[in-house]
Protein backbone atom coordinates (compact mmCIF):
# COMPACT_ATOMS: atom_id res chain seq x y z
CA MET A 1 135.85 10.64 -33.36
CA LYS A 2 133.35 12.18 -35.40
CA ALA A 3 132.55 16.23 -35.82
CA LYS A 4 130.50 17.40 -33.12
CA PRO A 5 127.40 19.56 -33.71
CA PRO A 6 127.28 23.06 -32.33
CA VAL A 7 126.79 23.43 -28.80
CA SER A 8 123.23 23.82 -27.87
CA ASN A 9 121.63 25.65 -24.81
CA ILE A 10 120.10 22.38 -23.86
CA GLU A 11 121.72 20.99 -20.16
CA TYR A 12 121.83 17.82 -19.58
CA SER A 13 120.98 16.77 -16.17
CA LEU A 14 123.01 14.24 -14.22
CA ILE A 15 121.18 12.33 -11.71
CA ASN A 16 122.60 14.07 -8.20
CA ASP A 17 124.32 10.96 -6.91
CA LYS A 18 126.10 9.71 -10.32
CA LEU A 19 129.87 10.56 -10.09
CA ILE A 20 131.58 10.72 -13.58
CA LEU A 21 134.94 9.55 -13.44
CA SER A 22 138.17 9.83 -15.78
CA THR A 23 141.87 9.37 -15.58
CA THR A 24 144.54 10.50 -17.70
CA ASP A 25 148.54 10.14 -18.40
CA ALA A 26 151.20 12.65 -17.93
CA LYS A 27 150.58 13.70 -21.58
CA LYS A 28 146.52 14.68 -20.96
CA ALA A 29 145.69 11.56 -22.47
CA ILE A 30 142.12 9.85 -21.43
CA THR A 31 142.85 6.03 -19.81
CA TYR A 32 140.16 5.34 -18.11
CA VAL A 33 136.64 6.53 -18.05
CA ASN A 34 133.76 4.89 -15.95
CA GLN A 35 130.03 4.25 -17.43
CA GLN A 36 128.69 7.35 -16.05
CA PHE A 37 131.19 9.50 -18.17
CA ILE A 38 130.49 7.32 -21.04
CA GLU A 39 126.56 8.03 -20.73
CA VAL A 40 127.00 11.72 -20.11
CA SER A 41 129.46 12.07 -22.70
CA GLY A 42 127.58 9.99 -25.54
CA VAL A 43 130.70 8.57 -26.87
CA THR A 44 131.96 5.06 -26.72
CA ASN A 45 134.31 4.08 -24.11
CA ASP A 46 137.04 3.44 -27.20
CA GLU A 47 136.28 6.68 -28.88
CA LEU A 48 137.53 8.14 -25.28
CA LEU A 49 140.35 6.50 -24.73
CA SER A 50 143.51 7.64 -25.72
CA LYS A 51 141.94 11.56 -26.42
CA ALA A 52 143.10 14.98 -25.33
CA HIS A 53 141.67 15.39 -21.88
CA ASN A 54 139.47 18.38 -22.98
CA VAL A 55 137.55 16.37 -25.83
CA ASP A 56 134.04 17.12 -24.15
CA HIS A 57 135.04 20.71 -23.09
CA ARG A 58 132.89 23.56 -24.08
CA PRO A 59 134.86 25.66 -26.78
CA GLU A 60 134.49 29.19 -25.34
CA LYS A 61 136.63 27.84 -22.08
CA ARG A 62 139.44 30.02 -22.07
CA PRO A 63 143.00 28.38 -22.67
CA GLU A 64 144.16 30.03 -19.55
CA THR A 65 142.13 27.88 -17.32
CA PHE A 66 143.80 24.73 -18.51
CA THR A 67 146.91 26.20 -18.24
CA TYR A 68 146.41 26.83 -15.21
CA LEU A 69 144.96 23.64 -14.49
CA TRP A 70 148.18 21.49 -15.67
CA LYS A 71 150.57 23.80 -13.43
CA THR A 72 148.69 23.57 -10.66
CA LEU A 73 148.71 19.75 -10.92
CA LYS A 74 152.85 19.88 -11.79
CA ASP A 75 153.18 21.84 -8.56
CA ARG A 76 151.21 18.44 -6.74
CA LYS A 77 148.32 20.76 -5.96
CA SER A 78 144.80 19.81 -5.94
CA TRP A 79 142.54 22.03 -8.44
CA THR A 80 138.75 22.58 -8.56
CA ASP A 81 136.51 24.55 -11.24
CA LEU A 82 133.08 24.60 -12.66
CA ILE A 83 132.87 23.39 -15.95
CA LYS A 84 130.79 23.27 -18.97
CA ASN A 85 131.38 20.00 -20.29
CA ARG A 86 129.59 19.00 -23.84
CA ARG A 87 128.03 15.81 -24.74
CA ASN A 88 128.72 14.32 -28.02
CA ASN A 89 125.07 15.67 -29.44
CA GLY A 90 125.77 19.40 -28.16
CA ASP A 91 123.93 19.59 -25.30
CA ILE A 92 125.69 21.29 -22.01
CA VAL A 93 126.45 19.23 -18.63
CA LEU A 94 127.14 21.37 -15.92
CA THR A 95 129.70 19.97 -13.18
CA ASP A 96 132.40 20.55 -10.43
CA PHE A 97 135.60 18.97 -11.21
CA MET A 98 138.18 18.46 -8.90
CA ARG A 99 141.65 17.27 -10.41
CA GLN A 100 143.92 15.37 -7.89
CA ILE A 101 147.84 14.83 -9.42
CA GLN A 102 149.30 11.36 -8.70
CA THR A 103 152.64 10.26 -9.50
CA LEU A 104 151.77 9.79 -13.38
CA LEU A 105 148.06 9.82 -13.18
CA ARG A 106 145.45 12.35 -13.17
CA MET A 107 141.89 11.97 -11.74
CA THR A 108 138.65 13.80 -12.45
CA ILE A 109 135.93 13.58 -10.14
CA GLY A 110 132.64 15.24 -11.65
CA LYS A 111 129.40 15.39 -10.08
CA HIS A 112 126.18 17.25 -11.57
CA ILE A 113 125.09 19.91 -9.04
CA ALA A 114 122.70 22.62 -8.77
CA LYS A 115 124.29 25.79 -9.46
CA ALA A 116 123.09 27.16 -5.90
CA LEU A 117 125.30 24.49 -4.20
CA PHE A 118 128.63 25.02 -6.11
CA LEU A 119 130.49 27.18 -3.95
CA PRO A 120 129.53 25.15 -0.82
CA MET A 121 130.60 21.84 -2.54
CA LEU A 122 133.51 23.35 -3.92
CA LEU A 123 134.66 24.08 -0.24
CA LEU A 124 133.49 20.76 1.15
CA PHE A 125 135.29 19.05 -1.88
CA SER A 126 138.53 20.86 -1.21
CA VAL A 127 138.15 20.18 2.69
CA ALA A 128 137.06 16.72 1.95
CA LEU A 129 140.28 15.56 0.39
CA ALA A 130 142.60 17.88 1.38
CA GLY A 131 145.72 15.66 2.22
CA TRP A 132 144.68 12.42 0.34
CA TRP A 133 145.91 13.86 -3.06
CA ASN A 134 147.86 10.49 -3.97
CA CYS A 135 145.10 7.94 -3.30
CA THR A 136 143.90 5.91 -6.51
CA PRO A 137 140.38 6.52 -8.28
CA SER A 138 139.02 3.38 -6.72
CA THR A 139 139.77 4.51 -3.35
CA VAL A 140 138.74 7.99 -3.56
CA ALA A 141 135.41 7.51 -5.91
CA PRO A 142 133.63 5.30 -3.33
CA TRP A 143 134.59 7.56 -0.57
CA LEU A 144 132.81 10.26 -2.01
CA ASN A 145 130.25 8.54 -2.73
CA ASN A 146 129.64 7.81 0.99
CA PHE A 147 130.56 10.88 2.41
CA ILE A 148 128.61 13.46 0.32
CA SER A 149 125.38 13.51 -0.57
CA VAL A 150 123.23 15.87 -2.09
CA ALA A 151 119.45 15.83 -1.34
CA THR A 152 116.59 18.47 -2.53
CA ILE A 153 113.77 19.12 -0.34
CA GLY A 154 111.13 21.08 -1.58
CA ALA A 155 112.41 24.52 -2.68
CA GLY A 156 115.54 24.19 -0.74
CA LEU A 157 118.95 22.44 -1.42
CA VAL A 158 120.28 20.91 1.90
CA ILE A 159 123.98 19.42 1.90
CA SER A 160 123.66 16.34 4.22
CA PHE A 161 126.65 14.21 5.51
CA ARG A 162 126.02 10.50 5.87
CA ILE A 163 129.53 10.23 8.37
CA TYR A 164 129.20 6.74 9.52
CA SER A 165 132.66 7.34 11.60
CA ILE A 166 135.47 9.64 10.05
CA THR A 167 137.98 7.46 11.58
CA GLN A 168 136.45 4.40 10.34
CA ALA A 169 135.40 5.68 7.01
CA CYS A 170 139.50 6.83 6.96
CA THR A 171 140.47 3.71 7.80
CA GLU A 172 138.37 1.39 5.44
CA THR A 173 138.59 3.73 2.68
CA PHE A 174 142.20 4.98 2.54
CA ALA A 175 143.98 2.02 3.61
CA GLY A 176 147.55 2.06 1.98
CA CYS A 177 147.36 6.04 1.04
CA HIS A 178 149.40 8.43 2.32
């Protein structure tokens, strides 16, 4: 990967319903990124694969954060934080990140949120995935898209739920998850 320009104060806005998804192996190297992740990062798939998971993090993020992150994952617990990632051109992307550990696979789900929604979304994501930590990215990402949507109405922000049946959603989406 080429040397990156300095971090700017320009915030790149994600469309509210776009999830960025990446997976890492046990050595913390990126093994998969979805198309939205590639678009947001401004880097090609080949440039991202096999790189360290923190390739797009801003330099001022404290190292203790990642020490805590990996300790939490090693203990098979979920981890959520507000992260300012950096694009390849130096712009920033504000995302909430939830990491779920699996046996040899770590998964990152990030969704752009308005700053005012961070705490409610943190709570909702924590509750929504509690107990489903061993599901694969292909089962969790569609579930999040179907379960939680963020809508902007006038000047106010509203969190709306599209629950078409918790039982049906869990049965269809989490089939095979323990």
